[in-house]
Amino acid sequence: MGITRGLVITVLFGIVLFLLIPAYVPRPRFIPGFAPPPDMWPRTVSMLGMALGILLVGLSFSRKTEAIADPEDASTIRGDTPLVTLLTRFGWTVLAFALFIGSVMLLGFLLSSILLLMAMLILTGYWRHKVVAAIVAVALPLVLYLFFSSALNTRFPVGSLFKAIGI
């Protein structure tokens, strides 16, 4: 099971690294000073994801993981949650990411990230703590946005809706 998981993770991050980033992240010919190129962080995250996937494959061959592995492992992880419910949650997650990708150009990166994090908190069940979840859903994307835009001079999509109204 770990081998399959590791291979899937490696392949997905490989698709992002070798196909999606070169196609969708423009790289200018000249980058002034010590500013990182726009594709630096997506490439870094993708390489780390691939490395973790390969590490998972390697660790799956260990005798310790074979001894721990249990055929009932998936049922103990999901508890009493029916498979249909888990697949429905997965479908909602895929839909949330698809809507995020579509909304970035309209609403901008920051607002789309806040909405995506709210959706993820709702899907994981953490929304029961509404005040904490709302603070995290707004503060985390805002802090990351400010850090990357100020400290690293990374530009994010503003969104056509905000461009149209002049914000």
C-alpha atoms as a PDB file:
ATOM      1  CA  MET A   1       0.000   0.000   0.000  1.00  0.00           C
ATOM      2  CA  GLY A   2       2.847   2.393   0.835  1.00  0.00           C
ATOM      3  CA  ILE A   3       4.524   1.698  -2.490  1.00  0.00           C
ATOM      4  CA  THR A   4       1.379   2.610  -4.405  1.00  0.00           C
ATOM      5  CA  ARG A   5       0.843   5.716  -2.300  1.00  0.00           C
ATOM      6  CA  GLY A   6       4.449   6.805  -2.772  1.00  0.00           C
ATOM      7  CA  LEU A   7       4.316   6.267  -6.523  1.00  0.00           C
ATOM      8  CA  VAL A   8       1.050   8.206  -6.846  1.00  0.00           C
ATOM      9  CA  ILE A   9       2.480  11.107  -4.815  1.00  0.00           C
ATOM     10  CA  THR A  10       5.679  11.097  -6.875  1.00  0.00           C
ATOM     11  CA  VAL A  11       3.791  11.006 -10.178  1.00  0.00           C
ATOM     12  CA  LEU A  12       1.380  13.810  -9.186  1.00  0.00           C
ATOM     13  CA  PHE A  13       4.190  16.114  -8.054  1.00  0.00           C
ATOM     14  CA  GLY A  14       6.148  15.125 -11.174  1.00  0.00           C
ATOM     15  CA  ILE A  15       3.228  16.175 -13.380  1.00  0.00           C
ATOM     16  CA  VAL A  16       3.142  19.538 -11.606  1.00  0.00           C
ATOM     17  CA  LEU A  17       6.928  19.966 -11.841  1.00  0.00           C
ATOM     18  CA  PHE A  18       7.517  18.847 -15.415  1.00  0.00           C
ATOM     19  CA  LEU A  19       4.219  19.692 -17.156  1.00  0.00           C
ATOM     20  CA  LEU A  20       2.144  22.302 -15.320  1.00  0.00           C
ATOM     21  CA  ILE A  21       4.828  24.700 -14.044  1.00  0.00           C
ATOM     22  CA  PRO A  22       6.631  25.075 -17.404  1.00  0.00           C
ATOM     23  CA  ALA A  23       3.296  25.552 -19.181  1.00  0.00           C
ATOM     24  CA  TYR A  24       1.550  27.940 -16.793  1.00  0.00           C
ATOM     25  CA  VAL A  25       4.199  29.818 -14.773  1.00  0.00           C
ATOM     26  CA  PRO A  26       5.887  32.427 -16.959  1.00  0.00           C
ATOM     27  CA  ARG A  27       9.614  32.887 -16.395  1.00  0.00           C
ATOM     28  CA  PRO A  28      10.975  36.300 -17.393  1.00  0.00           C
ATOM     29  CA  ARG A  29      14.274  36.499 -19.256  1.00  0.00           C
ATOM     30  CA  PHE A  30      15.699  39.034 -16.825  1.00  0.00           C
ATOM     31  CA  ILE A  31      15.222  38.870 -13.068  1.00  0.00           C
ATOM     32  CA  PRO A  32      16.602  41.922 -11.266  1.00  0.00           C
ATOM     33  CA  GLY A  33      18.878  41.626  -8.235  1.00  0.00           C
ATOM     34  CA  PHE A  34      18.412  38.707  -5.906  1.00  0.00           C
ATOM     35  CA  ALA A  35      14.684  38.344  -6.554  1.00  0.00           C
ATOM     36  CA  PRO A  36      13.648  34.718  -6.988  1.00  0.00           C
ATOM     37  CA  PRO A  37      12.020  33.754 -10.266  1.00  0.00           C
ATOM     38  CA  PRO A  38       8.241  33.248 -10.177  1.00  0.00           C
ATOM     39  CA  ASP A  39       8.580  29.503 -10.600  1.00  0.00           C
ATOM     40  CA  MET A  40      11.033  29.016  -7.718  1.00  0.00           C
ATOM     41  CA  TRP A  41       8.532  28.178  -4.968  1.00  0.00           C
ATOM     42  CA  PRO A  42       6.251  25.970  -7.070  1.00  0.00           C
ATOM     43  CA  ARG A  43       9.340  24.069  -8.243  1.00  0.00           C
ATOM     44  CA  THR A  44      10.673  23.782  -4.682  1.00  0.00           C
ATOM     45  CA  VAL A  45       7.394  22.441  -3.325  1.00  0.00           C
ATOM     46  CA  SER A  46       7.064  20.021  -6.246  1.00  0.00           C
ATOM     47  CA  MET A  47      10.610  18.722  -5.782  1.00  0.00           C
ATOM     48  CA  LEU A  48      10.018  18.244  -2.050  1.00  0.00           C
ATOM     49  CA  GLY A  49       6.757  16.422  -2.808  1.00  0.00           C
ATOM     50  CA  MET A  50       8.523  14.117  -5.247  1.00  0.00           C
ATOM     51  CA  ALA A  51      11.290  13.494  -2.703  1.00  0.00           C
ATOM     52  CA  LEU A  52       8.733  12.602  -0.035  1.00  0.00           C
ATOM     53  CA  GLY A  53       6.964  10.262  -2.461  1.00  0.00           C
ATOM     54  CA  ILE A  54      10.250   8.525  -3.294  1.00  0.00           C
ATOM     55  CA  LEU A  55      11.071   8.351   0.431  1.00  0.00           C
ATOM     56  CA  LEU A  56       7.703   6.701   1.081  1.00  0.00           C
ATOM     57  CA  VAL A  57       8.407   4.134  -1.640  1.00  0.00           C
ATOM     58  CA  GLY A  58      11.831   3.442  -0.134  1.00  0.00           C
ATOM     59  CA  LEU A  59      10.504   3.134   3.407  1.00  0.00           C
ATOM     60  CA  SER A  60       7.773   0.769   2.203  1.00  0.00           C
ATOM     61  CA  PHE A  61      10.446  -1.834   1.473  1.00  0.00           C
ATOM     62  CA  SER A  62      11.575  -1.782   5.107  1.00  0.00           C
ATOM     63  CA  ARG A  63      10.850  -4.851   7.225  1.00  0.00           C
ATOM     64  CA  LYS A  64       9.502  -2.678  10.034  1.00  0.00           C
ATOM     65  CA  THR A  65       6.732  -1.311   7.829  1.00  0.00           C
ATOM     66  CA  GLU A  66       5.890  -4.819   6.640  1.00  0.00           C
ATOM     67  CA  ALA A  67       5.499  -5.942  10.249  1.00  0.00           C
ATOM     68  CA  ILE A  68       3.284  -2.982  11.079  1.00  0.00           C
ATOM     69  CA  ALA A  69       1.199  -3.156   7.916  1.00  0.00           C
ATOM     70  CA  ASP A  70      -2.226  -4.578   8.552  1.00  0.00           C
ATOM     71  CA  PRO A  71      -4.823  -5.473   5.930  1.00  0.00           C
ATOM     72  CA  GLU A  72      -7.393  -3.779   8.144  1.00  0.00           C
ATOM     73  CA  ASP A  73      -5.348  -0.557   8.115  1.00  0.00           C
ATOM     74  CA  ALA A  74      -7.730   1.444   5.918  1.00  0.00           C
ATOM     75  CA  SER A  75     -10.757   0.499   7.997  1.00  0.00           C
ATOM     76  CA  THR A  76      -9.045   1.504  11.244  1.00  0.00           C
ATOM     77  CA  ILE A  77      -8.082   4.866   9.764  1.00  0.00           C
ATOM     78  CA  ARG A  78     -11.546   5.699   8.502  1.00  0.00           C
ATOM     79  CA  GLY A  79     -13.309   4.286  11.568  1.00  0.00           C
ATOM     80  CA  ASP A  80     -17.019   3.801  11.049  1.00  0.00           C
ATOM     81  CA  THR A  81     -17.233   6.287   8.179  1.00  0.00           C
ATOM     82  CA  PRO A  82     -18.794   4.613   5.123  1.00  0.00           C
ATOM     83  CA  LEU A  83     -16.781   4.538   1.919  1.00  0.00           C
ATOM     84  CA  VAL A  84     -19.513   6.479   0.093  1.00  0.00           C
ATOM     85  CA  THR A  85     -19.115   9.361   2.558  1.00  0.00           C
ATOM     86  CA  LEU A  86     -15.339   9.383   2.073  1.00  0.00           C
ATOM     87  CA  LEU A  87     -15.708   9.390  -1.713  1.00  0.00           C
ATOM     88  CA  THR A  88     -18.250  12.224  -1.482  1.00  0.00           C
ATOM     89  CA  ARG A  89     -15.811  14.253   0.624  1.00  0.00           C
ATOM     90  CA  PHE A  90     -13.090  13.543  -1.929  1.00  0.00           C
ATOM     91  CA  GLY A  91     -15.390  14.755  -4.710  1.00  0.00           C
ATOM     92  CA  TRP A  92     -16.138  17.962  -2.788  1.00  0.00           C
ATOM     93  CA  THR A  93     -12.390  18.468  -2.257  1.00  0.00           C
ATOM     94  CA  VAL A  94     -11.659  18.106  -5.975  1.00  0.00           C
ATOM     95  CA  LEU A  95     -14.522  20.506  -6.726  1.00  0.00           C
ATOM     96  CA  ALA A  96     -13.158  23.022  -4.179  1.00  0.00           C
ATOM     97  CA  PHE A  97      -9.721  22.965  -5.834  1.00  0.00           C
ATOM     98  CA  ALA A  98     -11.264  23.299  -9.292  1.00  0.00           C
ATOM     99  CA  LEU A  99     -13.295  26.292  -8.109  1.00  0.00           C
ATOM    100  CA  PHE A 100     -10.141  27.741  -6.541  1.00  0.00           C
ATOM    101  CA  ILE A 101      -8.286  27.504  -9.840  1.00  0.00           C
ATOM    102  CA  GLY A 102     -11.196  29.124 -11.656  1.00  0.00           C
ATOM    103  CA  SER A 103     -11.724  31.852  -9.065  1.00  0.00           C
ATOM    104  CA  VAL A 104      -8.093  33.006  -8.875  1.00  0.00           C
ATOM    105  CA  MET A 105      -8.400  34.908 -12.147  1.00  0.00           C
ATOM    106  CA  LEU A 106     -11.712  36.486 -11.112  1.00  0.00           C
ATOM    107  CA  LEU A 107     -11.296  37.108  -7.355  1.00  0.00           C
ATOM    108  CA  GLY A 108      -7.519  37.133  -7.042  1.00  0.00           C
ATOM    109  CA  PHE A 109      -5.181  34.834  -5.169  1.00  0.00           C
ATOM    110  CA  LEU A 110      -5.777  36.143  -1.647  1.00  0.00           C
ATOM    111  CA  LEU A 111      -9.581  35.972  -1.583  1.00  0.00           C
ATOM    112  CA  SER A 112      -9.579  32.636  -3.434  1.00  0.00           C
ATOM    113  CA  SER A 113      -7.109  31.215  -0.894  1.00  0.00           C
ATOM    114  CA  ILE A 114      -9.286  32.342   2.002  1.00  0.00           C
ATOM    115  CA  LEU A 115     -12.341  30.704   0.425  1.00  0.00           C
ATOM    116  CA  LEU A 116     -10.391  27.506  -0.310  1.00  0.00           C
ATOM    117  CA  LEU A 117      -9.127  27.273   3.269  1.00  0.00           C
ATOM    118  CA  MET A 118     -12.664  27.809   4.584  1.00  0.00           C
ATOM    119  CA  ALA A 119     -13.903  25.010   2.321  1.00  0.00           C
ATOM    120  CA  MET A 120     -11.111  22.697   3.497  1.00  0.00           C
ATOM    121  CA  LEU A 121     -11.873  23.452   7.153  1.00  0.00           C
ATOM    122  CA  ILE A 122     -15.535  22.683   6.542  1.00  0.00           C
ATOM    123  CA  LEU A 123     -14.688  19.415   4.761  1.00  0.00           C
ATOM    124  CA  THR A 124     -12.353  18.269   7.548  1.00  0.00           C
ATOM    125  CA  GLY A 125     -14.944  18.989  10.207  1.00  0.00           C
ATOM    126  CA  TYR A 126     -12.874  21.664  11.937  1.00  0.00           C
ATOM    127  CA  TRP A 127     -15.600  24.224  11.250  1.00  0.00           C
ATOM    128  CA  ARG A 128     -17.256  23.244  14.539  1.00  0.00           C
ATOM    129  CA  HIS A 129     -14.861  25.738  16.147  1.00  0.00           C
ATOM    130  CA  LYS A 130     -16.222  28.567  14.013  1.00  0.00           C
ATOM    131  CA  VAL A 131     -14.339  31.494  15.568  1.00  0.00           C
ATOM    132  CA  VAL A 132     -10.929  29.803  15.487  1.00  0.00           C
ATOM    133  CA  ALA A 133     -11.557  28.405  12.007  1.00  0.00           C
ATOM    134  CA  ALA A 134     -12.594  31.812  10.662  1.00  0.00           C
ATOM    135  CA  ILE A 135      -9.512  33.459  12.163  1.00  0.00           C
ATOM    136  CA  VAL A 136      -7.240  30.769  10.696  1.00  0.00           C
ATOM    137  CA  ALA A 137      -8.993  30.875   7.309  1.00  0.00           C
ATOM    138  CA  VAL A 138      -8.453  34.632   7.026  1.00  0.00           C
ATOM    139  CA  ALA A 139      -5.171  35.132   8.899  1.00  0.00           C
ATOM    140  CA  LEU A 140      -3.088  32.297   7.422  1.00  0.00           C
ATOM    141  CA  PRO A 141      -3.525  33.232   3.735  1.00  0.00           C
ATOM    142  CA  LEU A 142      -3.126  36.917   4.628  1.00  0.00           C
ATOM    143  CA  VAL A 143       0.137  36.360   6.537  1.00  0.00           C
ATOM    144  CA  LEU A 144       1.519  34.113   3.785  1.00  0.00           C
ATOM    145  CA  TYR A 145       0.479  36.631   1.133  1.00  0.00           C
ATOM    146  CA  LEU A 146       2.140  39.497   3.001  1.00  0.00           C
ATOM    147  CA  PHE A 147       5.311  37.496   3.611  1.00  0.00           C
ATOM    148  CA  PHE A 148       5.733  36.366   0.028  1.00  0.00           C
ATOM    149  CA  SER A 149       4.735  39.697  -1.523  1.00  0.00           C
ATOM    150  CA  SER A 150       6.782  41.876   0.848  1.00  0.00           C
ATOM    151  CA  ALA A 151       9.818  39.842   1.854  1.00  0.00           C
ATOM    152  CA  LEU A 152      10.284  37.891  -1.357  1.00  0.00           C
ATOM    153  CA  ASN A 153       8.662  40.330  -3.808  1.00  0.00           C
ATOM    154  CA  THR A 154       6.455  37.585  -5.246  1.00  0.00           C
ATOM    155  CA  ARG A 155       3.506  38.772  -7.300  1.00  0.00           C
ATOM    156  CA  PHE A 156       0.106  37.133  -7.080  1.00  0.00           C
ATOM    157  CA  PRO A 157      -2.905  37.472  -9.383  1.00  0.00           C
ATOM    158  CA  VAL A 158      -5.103  40.407  -8.326  1.00  0.00           C
ATOM    159  CA  GLY A 159      -8.235  39.216 -10.084  1.00  0.00           C
ATOM    160  CA  SER A 160     -10.191  40.770 -12.913  1.00  0.00           C
ATOM    161  CA  LEU A 161     -13.092  41.695 -10.615  1.00  0.00           C
ATOM    162  CA  PHE A 162     -10.870  43.883  -8.446  1.00  0.00           C
ATOM    163  CA  LYS A 163      -9.095  45.347 -11.476  1.00  0.00           C
ATOM    164  CA  ALA A 164     -12.484  46.346 -12.916  1.00  0.00           C
ATOM    165  CA  ILE A 165     -13.546  48.221  -9.771  1.00  0.00           C
ATOM    166  CA  GLY A 166     -10.090  49.768  -9.313  1.00  0.00           C
ATOM    167  CA  ILE A 167      -8.842  48.026  -6.146  1.00  0.00           C
END
